[in-house]
Amino acid sequence: MAKVDTYYSIRDSATRVHHNNDKCIDGKTIESYVKSTGTENRPLCEECQQLNMAEPAFLENVASPRRGLFAWFQAK
């Protein structure tokens, strides 16, 4: 799964959304020096939503290095 920790752009001119998918083209264009972690109560970007729905949900738990396979079985 391509989910990552949430982030958003601190630029005033940026769209007021947050991102959580590393395949998101809009999210990829945010330079590291204007990226901030978290959501700041902004809605999730539409492209991230679509990417997240297109990928199988069970892979999120298996592929996540923080959760691992053991956590996936516990969640079932």
PDB file of N, CA and C in Angstrom:
ATOM      1  N   MET A   1       0.848  -1.181   0.000  1.00  0.00           N
ATOM      2  CA  MET A   1       0.000   0.000   0.000  1.00  0.00           C
ATOM      3  C   MET A   1       0.881   1.227   0.000  1.00  0.00           C
ATOM      4  N   ALA A   2       0.396   2.267  -0.554  1.00  0.00           N
ATOM      5  CA  ALA A   2       1.178   3.482  -0.698  1.00  0.00           C
ATOM      6  C   ALA A   2       0.781   4.556   0.313  1.00  0.00           C
ATOM      7  N   LYS A   3       0.099   4.168   1.387  1.00  0.00           N
ATOM      8  CA  LYS A   3      -0.278   5.172   2.372  1.00  0.00           C
ATOM      9  C   LYS A   3       0.956   5.607   3.158  1.00  0.00           C
ATOM     10  N   VAL A   4       1.024   6.891   3.441  1.00  0.00           N
ATOM     11  CA  VAL A   4       2.125   7.462   4.205  1.00  0.00           C
ATOM     12  C   VAL A   4       1.541   8.353   5.301  1.00  0.00           C
ATOM     13  N   ASP A   5       2.389   8.828   6.195  1.00  0.00           N
ATOM     14  CA  ASP A   5       1.924   9.753   7.218  1.00  0.00           C
ATOM     15  C   ASP A   5       1.336  10.990   6.549  1.00  0.00           C
ATOM     16  N   THR A   6       0.300  11.533   7.148  1.00  0.00           N
ATOM     17  CA  THR A   6      -0.395  12.667   6.544  1.00  0.00           C
ATOM     18  C   THR A   6       0.480  13.906   6.505  1.00  0.00           C
ATOM     19  N   TYR A   7       0.278  14.709   5.468  1.00  0.00           N
ATOM     20  CA  TYR A   7       1.023  15.956   5.304  1.00  0.00           C
ATOM     21  C   TYR A   7       0.209  16.920   4.462  1.00  0.00           C
ATOM     22  N   TYR A   8       0.607  18.187   4.502  1.00  0.00           N
ATOM     23  CA  TYR A   8      -0.046  19.225   3.706  1.00  0.00           C
ATOM     24  C   TYR A   8       0.964  20.313   3.398  1.00  0.00           C
ATOM     25  N   SER A   9       0.613  21.185   2.480  1.00  0.00           N
ATOM     26  CA  SER A   9       1.475  22.299   2.112  1.00  0.00           C
ATOM     27  C   SER A   9       1.135  23.507   2.977  1.00  0.00           C
ATOM     28  N   ILE A  10       2.170  24.200   3.444  1.00  0.00           N
ATOM     29  CA  ILE A  10       1.952  25.397   4.259  1.00  0.00           C
ATOM     30  C   ILE A  10       1.864  26.662   3.413  1.00  0.00           C
ATOM     31  N   ARG A  11       1.992  26.522   2.104  1.00  0.00           N
ATOM     32  CA  ARG A  11       1.873  27.693   1.221  1.00  0.00           C
ATOM     33  C   ARG A  11       0.452  28.250   1.257  1.00  0.00           C
ATOM     34  N   ASP A  12       0.353  29.567   1.288  1.00  0.00           N
ATOM     35  CA  ASP A  12      -0.960  30.217   1.273  1.00  0.00           C
ATOM     36  C   ASP A  12      -1.706  29.938  -0.020  1.00  0.00           C
ATOM     37  N   SER A  13      -0.972  29.791  -1.106  1.00  0.00           N
ATOM     38  CA  SER A  13      -1.603  29.582  -2.406  1.00  0.00           C
ATOM     39  C   SER A  13      -1.990  28.126  -2.666  1.00  0.00           C
ATOM     40  N   ALA A  14      -1.607  27.233  -1.777  1.00  0.00           N
ATOM     41  CA  ALA A  14      -1.872  25.804  -1.988  1.00  0.00           C
ATOM     42  C   ALA A  14      -3.332  25.470  -1.706  1.00  0.00           C
ATOM     43  N   THR A  15      -3.804  24.408  -2.354  1.00  0.00           N
ATOM     44  CA  THR A  15      -5.134  23.896  -2.081  1.00  0.00           C
ATOM     45  C   THR A  15      -5.168  23.427  -0.631  1.00  0.00           C
ATOM     46  N   ARG A  16      -6.225  23.746   0.077  1.00  0.00           N
ATOM     47  CA  ARG A  16      -6.301  23.436   1.508  1.00  0.00           C
ATOM     48  C   ARG A  16      -6.798  22.011   1.743  1.00  0.00           C
ATOM     49  N   VAL A  17      -5.940  21.048   1.409  1.00  0.00           N
ATOM     50  CA  VAL A  17      -6.221  19.630   1.624  1.00  0.00           C
ATOM     51  C   VAL A  17      -4.985  18.983   2.238  1.00  0.00           C
ATOM     52  N   HIS A  18      -5.151  17.781   2.763  1.00  0.00           N
ATOM     53  CA  HIS A  18      -3.989  17.015   3.209  1.00  0.00           C
ATOM     54  C   HIS A  18      -3.860  15.769   2.337  1.00  0.00           C
ATOM     55  N   HIS A  19      -2.706  15.138   2.394  1.00  0.00           N
ATOM     56  CA  HIS A  19      -2.397  13.973   1.566  1.00  0.00           C
ATOM     57  C   HIS A  19      -1.946  12.826   2.460  1.00  0.00           C
ATOM     58  N   ASN A  20      -2.135  11.582   1.982  1.00  0.00           N
ATOM     59  CA  ASN A  20      -1.644  10.414   2.711  1.00  0.00           C
ATOM     60  C   ASN A  20      -1.286   9.254   1.782  1.00  0.00           C
ATOM     61  N   ASN A  21      -1.103   9.534   0.513  1.00  0.00           N
ATOM     62  CA  ASN A  21      -0.756   8.484  -0.442  1.00  0.00           C
ATOM     63  C   ASN A  21       0.440   8.955  -1.262  1.00  0.00           C
ATOM     64  N   ASP A  22       1.512   8.152  -1.270  1.00  0.00           N
ATOM     65  CA  ASP A  22       2.729   8.590  -1.962  1.00  0.00           C
ATOM     66  C   ASP A  22       2.630   8.505  -3.485  1.00  0.00           C
ATOM     67  N   LYS A  23       1.520   7.992  -4.003  1.00  0.00           N
ATOM     68  CA  LYS A  23       1.316   7.968  -5.449  1.00  0.00           C
ATOM     69  C   LYS A  23       0.569   9.204  -5.948  1.00  0.00           C
ATOM     70  N   CYS A  24       0.112  10.051  -5.030  1.00  0.00           N
ATOM     71  CA  CYS A  24      -0.656  11.246  -5.388  1.00  0.00           C
ATOM     72  C   CYS A  24       0.238  12.253  -6.103  1.00  0.00           C
ATOM     73  N   ILE A  25      -0.139  12.610  -7.309  1.00  0.00           N
ATOM     74  CA  ILE A  25       0.662  13.533  -8.108  1.00  0.00           C
ATOM     75  C   ILE A  25       0.695  14.921  -7.484  1.00  0.00           C
ATOM     76  N   ASP A  26      -0.451  15.397  -6.998  1.00  0.00           N
ATOM     77  CA  ASP A  26      -0.468  16.712  -6.345  1.00  0.00           C
ATOM     78  C   ASP A  26       0.408  16.719  -5.104  1.00  0.00           C
ATOM     79  N   GLY A  27       0.346  15.668  -4.329  1.00  0.00           N
ATOM     80  CA  GLY A  27       1.165  15.572  -3.122  1.00  0.00           C
ATOM     81  C   GLY A  27       2.652  15.516  -3.429  1.00  0.00           C
ATOM     82  N   LYS A  28       3.000  14.864  -4.533  1.00  0.00           N
ATOM     83  CA  LYS A  28       4.415  14.758  -4.920  1.00  0.00           C
ATOM     84  C   LYS A  28       5.021  16.111  -5.298  1.00  0.00           C
ATOM     85  N   THR A  29       4.184  17.046  -5.715  1.00  0.00           N
ATOM     86  CA  THR A  29       4.710  18.340  -6.150  1.00  0.00           C
ATOM     87  C   THR A  29       5.029  19.279  -4.989  1.00  0.00           C
ATOM     88  N   ILE A  30       4.656  18.902  -3.775  1.00  0.00           N
ATOM     89  CA  ILE A  30       4.917  19.751  -2.612  1.00  0.00           C
ATOM     90  C   ILE A  30       6.387  19.610  -2.216  1.00  0.00           C
ATOM     91  N   GLU A  31       7.107  20.703  -2.236  1.00  0.00           N
ATOM     92  CA  GLU A  31       8.514  20.683  -1.872  1.00  0.00           C
ATOM     93  C   GLU A  31       8.655  20.406  -0.382  1.00  0.00           C
ATOM     94  N   SER A  32       9.732  19.738   0.003  1.00  0.00           N
ATOM     95  CA  SER A  32       9.915  19.325   1.398  1.00  0.00           C
ATOM     96  C   SER A  32       9.945  20.512   2.359  1.00  0.00           C
ATOM     97  N   TYR A  33      10.434  21.647   1.917  1.00  0.00           N
ATOM     98  CA  TYR A  33      10.547  22.795   2.823  1.00  0.00           C
ATOM     99  C   TYR A  33       9.208  23.502   3.070  1.00  0.00           C
ATOM    100  N   VAL A  34       8.163  23.136   2.349  1.00  0.00           N
ATOM    101  CA  VAL A  34       6.830  23.694   2.614  1.00  0.00           C
ATOM    102  C   VAL A  34       5.837  22.604   3.032  1.00  0.00           C
ATOM    103  N   LYS A  35       6.363  21.425   3.385  1.00  0.00           N
ATOM    104  CA  LYS A  35       5.522  20.319   3.845  1.00  0.00           C
ATOM    105  C   LYS A  35       5.436  20.356   5.358  1.00  0.00           C
ATOM    106  N   SER A  36       4.246  20.115   5.864  1.00  0.00           N
ATOM    107  CA  SER A  36       4.050  20.017   7.303  1.00  0.00           C
ATOM    108  C   SER A  36       3.282  18.732   7.585  1.00  0.00           C
ATOM    109  N   THR A  37       3.611  18.060   8.674  1.00  0.00           N
ATOM    110  CA  THR A  37       2.932  16.806   8.998  1.00  0.00           C
ATOM    111  C   THR A  37       1.585  17.068   9.646  1.00  0.00           C
ATOM    112  N   GLY A  38       0.689  16.123   9.482  1.00  0.00           N
ATOM    113  CA  GLY A  38      -0.639  16.227  10.055  1.00  0.00           C
ATOM    114  C   GLY A  38      -1.677  16.604   9.023  1.00  0.00           C
ATOM    115  N   THR A  39      -2.870  16.939   9.502  1.00  0.00           N
ATOM    116  CA  THR A  39      -3.976  17.266   8.606  1.00  0.00           C
ATOM    117  C   THR A  39      -4.417  18.716   8.707  1.00  0.00           C
ATOM    118  N   GLU A  40      -4.127  19.356   9.836  1.00  0.00           N
ATOM    119  CA  GLU A  40      -4.607  20.707  10.121  1.00  0.00           C
ATOM    120  C   GLU A  40      -6.112  20.810   9.870  1.00  0.00           C
ATOM    121  N   ASN A  41      -6.828  19.724  10.149  1.00  0.00           N
ATOM    122  CA  ASN A  41      -8.288  19.640   9.951  1.00  0.00           C
ATOM    123  C   ASN A  41      -8.711  19.911   8.510  1.00  0.00           C
ATOM    124  N   ARG A  42      -7.821  19.657   7.582  1.00  0.00           N
ATOM    125  CA  ARG A  42      -8.145  19.804   6.159  1.00  0.00           C
ATOM    126  C   ARG A  42      -8.694  18.488   5.639  1.00  0.00           C
ATOM    127  N   PRO A  43      -9.562  18.531   4.644  1.00  0.00           N
ATOM    128  CA  PRO A  43     -10.075  17.281   4.068  1.00  0.00           C
ATOM    129  C   PRO A  43      -8.972  16.558   3.280  1.00  0.00           C
ATOM    130  N   LEU A  44      -9.154  15.261   3.122  1.00  0.00           N
ATOM    131  CA  LEU A  44      -8.220  14.472   2.332  1.00  0.00           C
ATOM    132  C   LEU A  44      -8.380  14.830   0.865  1.00  0.00           C
ATOM    133  N   CYS A  45      -7.283  14.949   0.165  1.00  0.00           N
ATOM    134  CA  CYS A  45      -7.309  15.288  -1.260  1.00  0.00           C
ATOM    135  C   CYS A  45      -8.059  14.196  -2.040  1.00  0.00           C
ATOM    136  N   GLU A  46      -8.775  14.602  -3.074  1.00  0.00           N
ATOM    137  CA  GLU A  46      -9.593  13.662  -3.853  1.00  0.00           C
ATOM    138  C   GLU A  46      -8.758  12.569  -4.509  1.00  0.00           C
ATOM    139  N   GLU A  47      -7.580  12.931  -4.989  1.00  0.00           N
ATOM    140  CA  GLU A  47      -6.737  11.928  -5.636  1.00  0.00           C
ATOM    141  C   GLU A  47      -6.277  10.878  -4.629  1.00  0.00           C
ATOM    142  N   CYS A  48      -5.902  11.306  -3.422  1.00  0.00           N
ATOM    143  CA  CYS A  48      -5.517  10.351  -2.374  1.00  0.00           C
ATOM    144  C   CYS A  48      -6.690   9.438  -2.045  1.00  0.00           C
ATOM    145  N   GLN A  49      -7.887   9.989  -1.959  1.00  0.00           N
ATOM    146  CA  GLN A  49      -9.074   9.178  -1.679  1.00  0.00           C
ATOM    147  C   GLN A  49      -9.247   8.090  -2.734  1.00  0.00           C
ATOM    148  N   GLN A  50      -9.143   8.474  -3.987  1.00  0.00           N
ATOM    149  CA  GLN A  50      -9.319   7.508  -5.077  1.00  0.00           C
ATOM    150  C   GLN A  50      -8.226   6.453  -5.058  1.00  0.00           C
ATOM    151  N   LEU A  51      -6.988   6.874  -4.821  1.00  0.00           N
ATOM    152  CA  LEU A  51      -5.876   5.920  -4.771  1.00  0.00           C
ATOM    153  C   LEU A  51      -6.048   4.948  -3.607  1.00  0.00           C
ATOM    154  N   ASN A  52      -6.467   5.459  -2.466  1.00  0.00           N
ATOM    155  CA  ASN A  52      -6.660   4.606  -1.293  1.00  0.00           C
ATOM    156  C   ASN A  52      -7.774   3.587  -1.526  1.00  0.00           C
ATOM    157  N   MET A  53      -8.846   3.988  -2.183  1.00  0.00           N
ATOM    158  CA  MET A  53      -9.956   3.065  -2.451  1.00  0.00           C
ATOM    159  C   MET A  53      -9.597   2.030  -3.505  1.00  0.00           C
ATOM    160  N   ALA A  54      -8.690   2.360  -4.396  1.00  0.00           N
ATOM    161  CA  ALA A  54      -8.325   1.451  -5.486  1.00  0.00           C
ATOM    162  C   ALA A  54      -7.422   0.317  -5.013  1.00  0.00           C
ATOM    163  N   GLU A  55      -6.758   0.496  -3.877  1.00  0.00           N
ATOM    164  CA  GLU A  55      -5.838  -0.520  -3.379  1.00  0.00           C
ATOM    165  C   GLU A  55      -6.540  -1.379  -2.335  1.00  0.00           C
ATOM    166  N   PRO A  56      -6.299  -2.683  -2.352  1.00  0.00           N
ATOM    167  CA  PRO A  56      -6.960  -3.573  -1.393  1.00  0.00           C
ATOM    168  C   PRO A  56      -6.654  -3.172   0.052  1.00  0.00           C
ATOM    169  N   ALA A  57      -7.687  -3.113   0.870  1.00  0.00           N
ATOM    170  CA  ALA A  57      -7.535  -2.660   2.258  1.00  0.00           C
ATOM    171  C   ALA A  57      -6.645  -3.582   3.081  1.00  0.00           C
ATOM    172  N   PHE A  58      -6.684  -4.888   2.834  1.00  0.00           N
ATOM    173  CA  PHE A  58      -5.893  -5.779   3.664  1.00  0.00           C
ATOM    174  C   PHE A  58      -4.398  -5.579   3.457  1.00  0.00           C
ATOM    175  N   LEU A  59      -3.999  -5.072   2.312  1.00  0.00           N
ATOM    176  CA  LEU A  59      -2.583  -4.847   2.074  1.00  0.00           C
ATOM    177  C   LEU A  59      -2.039  -3.718   2.930  1.00  0.00           C
ATOM    178  N   GLU A  60      -2.886  -2.798   3.344  1.00  0.00           N
ATOM    179  CA  GLU A  60      -2.435  -1.702   4.195  1.00  0.00           C
ATOM    180  C   GLU A  60      -1.822  -2.262   5.477  1.00  0.00           C
ATOM    181  N   ASN A  61      -2.486  -3.230   6.081  1.00  0.00           N
ATOM    182  CA  ASN A  61      -1.994  -3.795   7.334  1.00  0.00           C
ATOM    183  C   ASN A  61      -0.782  -4.684   7.125  1.00  0.00           C
ATOM    184  N   VAL A  62      -0.753  -5.444   6.049  1.00  0.00           N
ATOM    185  CA  VAL A  62       0.357  -6.344   5.800  1.00  0.00           C
ATOM    186  C   VAL A  62       1.612  -5.571   5.414  1.00  0.00           C
ATOM    187  N   ALA A  63       1.472  -4.570   4.563  1.00  0.00           N
ATOM    188  CA  ALA A  63       2.629  -3.869   4.030  1.00  0.00           C
ATOM    189  C   ALA A  63       3.168  -2.796   4.951  1.00  0.00           C
ATOM    190  N   SER A  64       2.400  -2.356   5.922  1.00  0.00           N
ATOM    191  CA  SER A  64       2.838  -1.281   6.793  1.00  0.00           C
ATOM    192  C   SER A  64       3.975  -1.756   7.692  1.00  0.00           C
ATOM    193  N   PRO A  65       5.128  -1.107   7.631  1.00  0.00           N
ATOM    194  CA  PRO A  65       6.250  -1.540   8.458  1.00  0.00           C
ATOM    195  C   PRO A  65       5.965  -1.334   9.943  1.00  0.00           C
ATOM    196  N   ARG A  66       5.053  -0.443  10.282  1.00  0.00           N
ATOM    197  CA  ARG A  66       4.744  -0.186  11.683  1.00  0.00           C
ATOM    198  C   ARG A  66       3.777  -1.212  12.243  1.00  0.00           C
ATOM    199  N   ARG A  67       2.999  -1.843  11.394  1.00  0.00           N
ATOM    200  CA  ARG A  67       1.988  -2.773  11.882  1.00  0.00           C
ATOM    201  C   ARG A  67       2.417  -4.215  11.697  1.00  0.00           C
ATOM    202  N   GLY A  68       2.895  -4.516  10.520  1.00  0.00           N
ATOM    203  CA  GLY A  68       3.367  -5.858  10.241  1.00  0.00           C
ATOM    204  C   GLY A  68       2.255  -6.889  10.125  1.00  0.00           C
ATOM    205  N   LEU A  69       2.649  -8.097   9.810  1.00  0.00           N
ATOM    206  CA  LEU A  69       1.705  -9.190   9.596  1.00  0.00           C
ATOM    207  C   LEU A  69       0.996  -9.589  10.885  1.00  0.00           C
ATOM    208  N   PHE A  70       1.694  -9.573  12.001  1.00  0.00           N
ATOM    209  CA  PHE A  70       1.095  -9.941  13.280  1.00  0.00           C
ATOM    210  C   PHE A  70      -0.105  -9.047  13.601  1.00  0.00           C
ATOM    211  N   ALA A  71       0.039  -7.740  13.411  1.00  0.00           N
ATOM    212  CA  ALA A  71      -1.059  -6.806  13.682  1.00  0.00           C
ATOM    213  C   ALA A  71      -2.231  -7.075  12.738  1.00  0.00           C
ATOM    214  N   TRP A  72      -1.942  -7.494  11.518  1.00  0.00           N
ATOM    215  CA  TRP A  72      -3.012  -7.787  10.575  1.00  0.00           C
ATOM    216  C   TRP A  72      -3.874  -8.935  11.088  1.00  0.00           C
ATOM    217  N   PHE A  73      -3.219  -9.990  11.615  1.00  0.00           N
ATOM    218  CA  PHE A  73      -3.969 -11.116  12.149  1.00  0.00           C
ATOM    219  C   PHE A  73      -4.744 -10.736  13.402  1.00  0.00           C
ATOM    220  N   GLN A  74      -4.199  -9.875  14.226  1.00  0.00           N
ATOM    221  CA  GLN A  74      -4.889  -9.430  15.431  1.00  0.00           C
ATOM    222  C   GLN A  74      -6.163  -8.656  15.078  1.00  0.00           C
ATOM    223  N   ALA A  75      -6.107  -7.902  13.995  1.00  0.00           N
ATOM    224  CA  ALA A  75      -7.254  -7.087  13.592  1.00  0.00           C
ATOM    225  C   ALA A  75      -8.397  -7.935  13.065  1.00  0.00           C
ATOM    226  N   LYS A  76      -8.133  -9.141  12.650  1.00  0.00           N
ATOM    227  CA  LYS A  76      -9.169 -10.015  12.069  1.00  0.00           C
ATOM    228  C   LYS A  76     -10.029 -10.652  13.116  1.00  0.00           C
TER     229      LYS A  76
END
